[in-house]
Amino acid sequence: MSLKINDDCTSCDACAPTCPNDAISAGDVIYVIAADHCTECVGAENTPQCQIVCPVDAIVAGVSESKETLLARYHALHG
């Protein structure tokens, strides 16, 4: 599943640099994750890196997707 950032986000910017797909960016108030770029780090890491570094646990499950779908997205983004 692609991840999303909830309203607990403090816009600390800890998550954005950890994303291997550049899926995280500053929104109007809080950071946002582009679902079409989020692979939950499948293809790059064993665990979503943004969730590890988020100090307020604001990054949560979004749309449910299979590991195969996430891996295919990763390969489409990175060739």
Protein backbone atom coordinates (compact mmCIF):
# COMPACT_ATOMS: atom_id res chain seq x y z
CA MET A 1 0.00 0.00 0.00
CA SER A 2 1.21 3.47 -0.64
CA LEU A 3 1.66 5.51 2.48
CA LYS A 4 0.11 8.81 3.45
CA ILE A 5 0.91 11.53 5.96
CA ASN A 6 -1.76 12.48 8.47
CA ASP A 7 -2.47 15.75 10.28
CA ASP A 8 -0.02 14.88 13.07
CA CYS A 9 2.78 15.94 10.70
CA THR A 10 4.91 18.78 12.07
CA SER A 11 6.58 19.52 8.70
CA CYS A 12 9.98 18.74 10.19
CA ASP A 13 11.36 17.50 6.81
CA ALA A 14 12.89 14.35 8.31
CA CYS A 15 11.02 12.09 5.88
CA ALA A 16 11.59 13.68 2.47
CA PRO A 17 15.34 13.04 2.17
CA THR A 18 14.90 9.36 3.06
CA CYS A 19 12.51 8.55 0.21
CA PRO A 20 14.27 6.65 -2.60
CA ASN A 21 11.51 7.70 -5.04
CA ASP A 22 11.29 11.41 -4.21
CA ALA A 23 7.61 10.83 -3.41
CA ILE A 24 7.49 13.16 -0.39
CA SER A 25 7.18 16.91 -0.65
CA ALA A 26 6.01 19.91 1.34
CA GLY A 27 2.30 20.57 0.98
CA ASP A 28 0.41 23.69 1.96
CA VAL A 29 0.38 22.81 5.67
CA ILE A 30 1.91 19.35 6.04
CA TYR A 31 4.08 17.10 3.92
CA VAL A 32 2.41 14.89 1.32
CA ILE A 33 3.25 11.61 -0.40
CA ALA A 34 2.60 11.18 -4.12
CA ALA A 35 0.84 7.82 -4.21
CA ASP A 36 1.98 7.18 -7.78
CA HIS A 37 5.61 7.33 -6.61
CA CYS A 38 5.36 5.62 -3.21
CA THR A 39 6.55 2.01 -3.13
CA GLU A 40 6.85 1.76 0.66
CA CYS A 41 10.56 1.37 -0.16
CA VAL A 42 9.90 -2.01 -1.83
CA GLY A 43 12.80 -2.46 -4.23
CA ALA A 44 15.12 -0.23 -2.22
CA GLU A 45 14.81 -1.11 1.48
CA ASN A 46 13.12 -3.67 3.73
CA THR A 47 11.11 -1.09 5.66
CA PRO A 48 9.62 2.29 4.70
CA GLN A 49 12.40 4.67 5.64
CA CYS A 50 10.09 7.65 6.10
CA GLN A 51 8.19 5.82 8.84
CA ILE A 52 11.43 5.05 10.66
CA VAL A 53 12.54 8.68 10.83
CA CYS A 54 9.17 10.35 11.47
CA PRO A 55 9.33 11.67 15.05
CA VAL A 56 5.53 11.84 15.46
CA ASP A 57 4.44 8.66 13.63
CA ALA A 58 2.45 10.72 11.13
CA ILE A 59 3.13 8.38 8.18
CA VAL A 60 0.45 5.72 8.02
CA ALA A 61 -1.02 3.13 5.65
CA GLY A 62 -2.88 4.47 2.67
CA VAL A 63 -4.25 2.56 -0.30
CA SER A 64 -3.63 -1.19 -0.07
CA GLU A 65 -1.40 -2.50 -2.88
CA SER A 66 0.41 -5.81 -3.38
CA LYS A 67 4.15 -6.13 -3.02
CA GLU A 68 4.31 -7.03 -6.72
CA THR A 69 2.54 -3.78 -7.65
CA LEU A 70 4.89 -1.75 -5.47
CA LEU A 71 7.95 -3.48 -6.93
CA ALA A 72 6.71 -2.90 -10.49
CA ARG A 73 6.23 0.79 -9.66
CA TYR A 74 9.76 0.96 -8.25
CA HIS A 75 11.20 -0.54 -11.45
CA ALA A 76 9.11 1.80 -13.61
CA LEU A 77 10.49 4.78 -11.67
CA HIS A 78 14.11 3.62 -11.67
CA GLY A 79 14.41 1.69 -14.91
